[in-house]
Amino acid sequence: MKYEGMIYRPPSEARSLIVQATIGCAHNKCTFCSMYKDKKFRIRRVEDIIKDLESAREYYKNIKRIFLADGDALILKTEDLLRILKHIIKIFPECERVGIYATPRDILNKSVEELKALKDNGLGIMYMGIESGNDTILDKINKEIDSKYIIEAGKKAKESRIDLSVTLISGIGGREYIKNHAIDSAKVINAINPDYVGLLTLMLEEGTELYNDYKYGDFNPLSPEEVMLETRLFIENIEVNDCVFRSNHASNYISLKGVLNRDKDRLLEEIDEALKENNYKPEGLRGL
């Protein structure tokens, strides 16, 4: 196996075999992200990816899940992805699921028929980081897409029957956009109704544009209590069916797990209890 640079994967892929199909991220312009700044994006040769898979087969006896990294491996041509997936089926018959990062642009660049073909050959889940559903915030963090584009991609993913996991970032809009971020993000999730929603909390990374904005007073990050209030407002506005919700990443201040909308009231109660224990509610946020 050959890895280049730091490797990132979703929390749910912790026990997966990770194989780099791309190096870095094709977009790599988000103001908050430092993950791939040390890498120049490129797509690896299929032959090299297959060599890595074969090397792993020699070393590991039982592989249940495989994750194709780096940032947006769905950018590969469909025929190349199919070749990789078919090889996985051949040499890892015990593999239950293949996962992949997918940007909204990657999804929209493929037809529903192409996505269904990937599904039929083992692609079980796509992870789409949207960060926010608010267009102003999306513009500020340089996603170069808007909420309408995200919804279109999400609906196409759902039509393909590949499980869709969507990630949002608490506090990404700063104090100025708490309400906008929470409510508009809920609207996007309601429109897509993904299979999974993960809520991370913003961690300012040195060397990023957003960190410099914070350093020079142009970005006001949320306190832990404000993050809880923003999260509460988001959940309060969610209207979906059978969507697994997780806010239990290392970045989160409290651990929240449930299925929306079934566990909505319980999740709100857990947030209220956390706020009560801290006995904190900023005067400017009363009435959220």
Protein backbone atom coordinates (compact mmCIF):
# COMPACT_ATOMS: atom_id res chain seq x y z
CA MET A 1 0.00 0.00 0.00
CA LYS A 2 1.19 3.49 -0.85
CA TYR A 3 -0.19 6.62 0.83
CA GLU A 4 0.66 10.22 0.00
CA GLY A 5 0.38 12.85 2.70
CA MET A 6 -2.16 12.93 5.53
CA ILE A 7 -5.15 10.63 5.02
CA TYR A 8 -8.67 11.70 6.01
CA ARG A 9 -11.83 9.63 6.20
CA PRO A 10 -15.34 9.94 7.70
CA PRO A 11 -15.73 8.75 11.33
CA SER A 12 -17.91 5.83 10.22
CA GLU A 13 -15.03 4.52 8.06
CA ALA A 14 -12.72 4.05 11.04
CA ARG A 15 -12.34 0.31 10.45
CA SER A 16 -12.31 0.48 6.65
CA LEU A 17 -9.45 -0.26 4.30
CA ILE A 18 -8.54 3.14 2.86
CA VAL A 19 -7.25 3.34 -0.70
CA GLN A 20 -6.34 6.62 -2.39
CA ALA A 21 -8.07 6.98 -5.75
CA THR A 22 -7.18 10.66 -5.93
CA ILE A 23 -4.51 12.73 -4.24
CA GLY A 24 -5.89 15.83 -2.55
CA CYS A 25 -9.05 17.74 -3.40
CA ALA A 26 -10.00 19.11 -6.82
CA HIS A 27 -11.61 22.22 -5.32
CA ASN A 28 -9.26 22.86 -2.38
CA LYS A 29 -10.42 26.48 -1.98
CA CYS A 30 -12.65 26.36 1.11
CA THR A 31 -11.61 29.08 3.54
CA PHE A 32 -12.00 26.90 6.64
CA CYS A 33 -10.22 23.75 5.42
CA SER A 34 -6.54 22.86 5.80
CA MET A 35 -6.87 19.17 4.96
CA TYR A 36 -5.33 19.08 1.49
CA LYS A 37 -3.34 22.30 1.28
CA ASP A 38 -0.06 20.36 1.08
CA LYS A 39 -1.20 18.31 -1.92
CA LYS A 40 -1.50 19.09 -5.61
CA PHE A 41 -4.63 17.40 -6.88
CA ARG A 42 -4.36 14.51 -9.28
CA ILE A 43 -6.20 11.34 -10.18
CA ARG A 44 -4.21 8.17 -9.67
CA ARG A 45 -3.79 5.58 -12.42
CA VAL A 46 -6.33 2.78 -12.12
CA GLU A 47 -3.50 0.26 -12.40
CA ASP A 48 -1.85 1.73 -9.29
CA ILE A 49 -5.12 1.68 -7.35
CA ILE A 50 -5.61 -1.98 -8.26
CA LYS A 51 -2.04 -2.75 -7.14
CA ASP A 52 -2.86 -1.24 -3.73
CA LEU A 53 -6.01 -3.36 -3.50
CA GLU A 54 -4.08 -6.50 -4.34
CA SER A 55 -1.39 -5.62 -1.82
CA ALA A 56 -4.06 -5.21 0.87
CA ARG A 57 -5.57 -8.56 -0.09
CA GLU A 58 -2.27 -10.25 0.62
CA TYR A 59 -2.01 -8.60 4.02
CA TYR A 60 -5.60 -8.58 5.37
CA LYS A 61 -7.72 -11.70 5.71
CA ASN A 62 -11.10 -10.05 6.21
CA ILE A 63 -12.10 -6.66 4.77
CA LYS A 64 -15.71 -5.68 5.41
CA ARG A 65 -15.54 -2.09 4.18
CA ILE A 66 -13.36 -0.09 1.79
CA PHE A 67 -13.16 3.69 1.54
CA LEU A 68 -11.88 5.40 -1.60
CA ALA A 69 -9.98 8.57 -0.69
CA ASP A 70 -8.95 11.46 -1.04
CA GLY A 71 -11.27 14.45 -1.11
CA ASP A 72 -13.57 13.69 -4.03
CA ALA A 73 -12.82 10.33 -5.59
CA LEU A 74 -16.19 10.32 -7.35
CA ILE A 75 -14.53 12.68 -9.84
CA LEU A 76 -13.04 9.60 -11.56
CA LYS A 77 -14.56 8.58 -14.86
CA THR A 78 -17.42 6.15 -14.33
CA GLU A 79 -15.70 3.42 -16.36
CA ASP A 80 -12.61 3.71 -14.15
CA LEU A 81 -14.66 3.56 -10.96
CA LEU A 82 -16.52 0.53 -12.29
CA ARG A 83 -13.23 -1.17 -13.06
CA ILE A 84 -12.08 -0.54 -9.48
CA LEU A 85 -15.37 -1.67 -7.96
CA LYS A 86 -15.47 -4.85 -10.03
CA HIS A 87 -11.94 -5.68 -8.95
CA ILE A 88 -12.98 -5.18 -5.33
CA ILE A 89 -15.86 -7.62 -5.84
CA LYS A 90 -13.45 -10.11 -7.38
CA ILE A 91 -10.71 -10.08 -4.74
CA PHE A 92 -12.72 -9.01 -1.65
CA PRO A 93 -15.91 -11.10 -1.90
CA GLU A 94 -16.51 -10.50 1.82
CA CYS A 95 -16.60 -6.69 1.37
CA GLU A 96 -20.03 -5.38 2.35
CA ARG A 97 -19.69 -1.73 1.33
CA VAL A 98 -17.49 0.71 -0.54
CA GLY A 99 -17.65 4.38 0.50
CA ILE A 100 -16.48 7.55 -1.21
CA TYR A 101 -16.33 11.32 -0.72
CA ALA A 102 -18.49 13.08 -3.31
CA THR A 103 -18.90 16.79 -3.94
CA PRO A 104 -22.21 18.10 -5.31
CA ARG A 105 -20.39 18.83 -8.57
CA ASP A 106 -19.12 15.24 -8.80
CA ILE A 107 -22.65 13.90 -8.36
CA LEU A 108 -24.21 16.25 -10.88
CA ASN A 109 -21.53 15.43 -13.45
CA LYS A 110 -22.77 11.84 -13.53
CA SER A 111 -26.11 10.60 -14.84
CA VAL A 112 -28.53 8.72 -12.60
CA GLU A 113 -27.82 5.65 -14.74
CA GLU A 114 -24.09 5.96 -14.07
CA LEU A 115 -24.68 6.30 -10.33
CA LYS A 116 -27.01 3.29 -10.35
CA ALA A 117 -24.32 1.27 -12.15
CA LEU A 118 -21.86 2.20 -9.38
CA LYS A 119 -24.46 1.18 -6.80
CA ASP A 120 -24.99 -2.17 -8.51
CA ASN A 121 -21.24 -2.80 -8.36
CA GLY A 122 -20.80 -2.16 -4.67
CA LEU A 123 -20.70 1.60 -4.07
CA GLY A 124 -22.80 1.74 -0.94
CA ILE A 125 -22.43 5.25 0.46
CA MET A 126 -21.42 8.76 -0.64
CA TYR A 127 -20.29 11.41 1.83
CA MET A 128 -21.17 14.94 0.74
CA GLY A 129 -19.83 17.88 2.74
CA ILE A 130 -22.14 20.85 2.27
CA GLU A 131 -21.13 22.74 5.46
CA SER A 132 -24.14 25.12 5.32
CA GLY A 133 -27.43 25.62 3.56
CA ASN A 134 -27.16 29.39 3.59
CA ASP A 135 -26.06 30.94 0.30
CA THR A 136 -24.25 33.90 1.91
CA ILE A 137 -22.20 31.57 4.10
CA LEU A 138 -21.47 29.25 1.17
CA ASP A 139 -20.15 32.25 -0.74
CA LYS A 140 -18.06 33.47 2.19
CA ILE A 141 -16.38 30.10 2.69
CA ASN A 142 -15.75 29.83 -1.06
CA LYS A 143 -17.70 26.65 -1.80
CA GLU A 144 -18.51 28.03 -5.28
CA ILE A 145 -21.99 26.45 -5.15
CA ASP A 146 -25.35 27.51 -3.76
CA SER A 147 -28.10 25.73 -1.85
CA LYS A 148 -30.14 25.04 -4.99
CA TYR A 149 -27.16 23.24 -6.53
CA ILE A 150 -26.67 21.20 -3.34
CA ILE A 151 -30.33 20.17 -3.24
CA GLU A 152 -30.21 19.09 -6.89
CA ALA A 153 -27.13 16.93 -6.21
CA GLY A 154 -28.66 15.46 -3.08
CA LYS A 155 -31.87 14.50 -4.86
CA LYS A 156 -29.90 12.85 -7.66
CA ALA A 157 -27.92 10.85 -5.11
CA LYS A 158 -31.14 9.69 -3.47
CA GLU A 159 -32.61 8.71 -6.84
CA SER A 160 -29.58 6.50 -7.46
CA ARG A 161 -30.33 4.55 -4.24
CA ILE A 162 -26.75 5.00 -2.99
CA ASP A 163 -26.87 5.93 0.70
CA LEU A 164 -26.16 9.63 1.17
CA SER A 165 -24.40 11.04 4.22
CA VAL A 166 -24.40 14.85 4.44
CA THR A 167 -22.08 16.85 6.68
CA LEU A 168 -22.73 20.31 8.14
CA ILE A 169 -20.47 22.46 10.32
CA SER A 170 -21.84 24.19 13.43
CA GLY A 171 -20.62 27.77 13.75
CA ILE A 172 -19.34 28.03 10.16
CA GLY A 173 -21.16 31.33 9.71
CA GLY A 174 -19.94 32.85 12.94
CA ARG A 175 -22.10 34.75 15.44
CA GLU A 176 -23.57 36.99 12.74
CA TYR A 177 -25.25 34.12 10.89
CA ILE A 178 -26.43 31.78 13.66
CA LYS A 179 -30.10 31.90 12.69
CA ASN A 180 -29.44 31.92 8.94
CA HIS A 181 -27.12 28.94 9.14
CA ALA A 182 -29.41 26.86 11.33
CA ILE A 183 -32.67 27.52 9.51
CA ASP A 184 -31.35 27.44 5.94
CA SER A 185 -29.34 24.29 6.62
CA ALA A 186 -32.50 22.64 7.92
CA LYS A 187 -34.31 23.66 4.73
CA VAL A 188 -31.66 21.97 2.57
CA ILE A 189 -31.77 18.79 4.65
CA ASN A 190 -35.58 18.76 4.47
CA ALA A 191 -35.44 19.08 0.68
CA ILE A 192 -32.95 16.21 0.29
CA ASN A 193 -33.97 13.90 3.16
CA PRO A 194 -30.55 12.18 3.21
CA ASP A 195 -29.94 8.84 4.88
CA TYR A 196 -27.46 10.34 7.34
CA VAL A 197 -26.67 13.82 8.65
CA GLY A 198 -23.47 14.55 10.53
CA LEU A 199 -22.97 17.78 12.43
CA LEU A 200 -19.38 18.77 13.17
CA THR A 201 -18.26 21.88 15.04
CA LEU A 202 -16.00 24.45 13.43
CA MET A 203 -12.37 24.17 14.47
CA LEU A 204 -10.28 27.13 13.33
CA GLU A 205 -7.08 25.89 11.73
CA GLU A 206 -3.97 28.04 11.50
CA GLY A 207 -2.99 28.82 7.95
CA THR A 208 -6.56 28.96 6.64
CA GLU A 209 -8.28 32.10 5.38
CA LEU A 210 -10.99 31.79 8.01
CA TYR A 211 -8.39 31.63 10.79
CA ASN A 212 -6.84 34.84 9.46
CA ASP A 213 -10.28 36.47 9.42
CA TYR A 214 -10.67 35.49 13.07
CA LYS A 215 -7.18 36.71 13.92
CA TYR A 216 -7.88 40.15 12.47
CA GLY A 217 -11.34 40.45 13.99
CA ASP A 218 -13.39 39.77 10.86
CA PHE A 219 -14.91 36.50 12.10
CA ASN A 220 -16.57 35.95 15.48
CA PRO A 221 -16.63 32.25 16.43
CA LEU A 222 -19.39 30.82 18.59
CA SER A 223 -19.03 29.86 22.22
CA PRO A 224 -19.93 26.27 23.17
CA GLU A 225 -23.30 27.44 24.44
CA GLU A 226 -24.00 29.34 21.24
CA VAL A 227 -23.16 26.23 19.24
CA MET A 228 -25.76 24.33 21.28
CA LEU A 229 -28.36 27.01 20.59
CA GLU A 230 -27.58 26.95 16.88
CA THR A 231 -27.83 23.16 16.90
CA ARG A 232 -31.15 23.35 18.73
CA LEU A 233 -32.57 25.74 16.16
CA PHE A 234 -31.40 23.47 13.35
CA ILE A 235 -33.01 20.35 14.83
CA GLU A 236 -36.18 22.26 15.69
CA ASN A 237 -36.64 23.11 12.00
CA ILE A 238 -35.90 19.63 10.65
CA GLU A 239 -38.74 17.69 9.02
CA VAL A 240 -37.42 14.42 7.56
CA ASN A 241 -38.11 10.70 7.77
CA ASP A 242 -35.74 7.96 8.95
CA CYS A 243 -32.61 10.14 8.79
CA VAL A 244 -29.82 9.03 11.11
CA PHE A 245 -28.44 12.07 12.94
CA ARG A 246 -25.03 12.20 14.56
CA SER A 247 -23.31 15.02 16.40
CA ASN A 248 -20.77 12.96 18.31
CA HIS A 249 -17.52 13.90 16.58
CA ALA A 250 -14.49 14.86 18.68
CA SER A 251 -15.17 18.48 17.71
CA ASN A 252 -18.67 18.51 19.24
CA TYR A 253 -19.33 19.86 22.73
CA ILE A 254 -22.08 17.36 23.57
CA SER A 255 -22.80 13.98 22.03
CA LEU A 256 -26.13 13.75 20.21
CA LYS A 257 -27.39 10.63 18.43
CA GLY A 258 -30.80 9.75 17.09
CA VAL A 259 -33.09 9.23 14.12
CA LEU A 260 -34.95 12.25 12.77
CA ASN A 261 -37.74 13.06 13.14
CA ARG A 262 -38.49 10.16 15.49
CA ASP A 263 -36.05 11.32 18.18
CA LYS A 264 -36.42 15.05 17.61
CA ASP A 265 -38.07 15.84 20.97
CA ARG A 266 -35.50 13.81 22.90
CA LEU A 267 -32.60 15.53 21.15
CA LEU A 268 -34.06 18.94 21.92
CA GLU A 269 -34.49 17.93 25.57
CA GLU A 270 -30.85 16.81 25.76
CA ILE A 271 -29.70 20.17 24.39
CA ASP A 272 -31.96 22.04 26.81
CA GLU A 273 -30.55 20.03 29.71
CA ALA A 274 -27.00 20.86 28.63
CA LEU A 275 -27.88 24.54 28.41
CA LYS A 276 -29.56 24.40 31.82
CA GLU A 277 -26.53 22.80 33.43
CA ASN A 278 -24.31 25.53 32.03
CA ASN A 279 -26.85 28.16 33.07
CA TYR A 280 -25.95 30.22 30.02
CA LYS A 281 -27.90 31.91 27.29
CA PRO A 282 -26.42 35.05 25.65
CA GLU A 283 -28.75 38.02 25.92
CA GLY A 284 -28.54 38.64 22.17
CA LEU A 285 -29.81 35.15 21.40
CA ARG A 286 -32.93 35.15 23.56
CA GLY A 287 -35.94 34.17 21.50
CA LEU A 288 -34.12 31.78 19.15
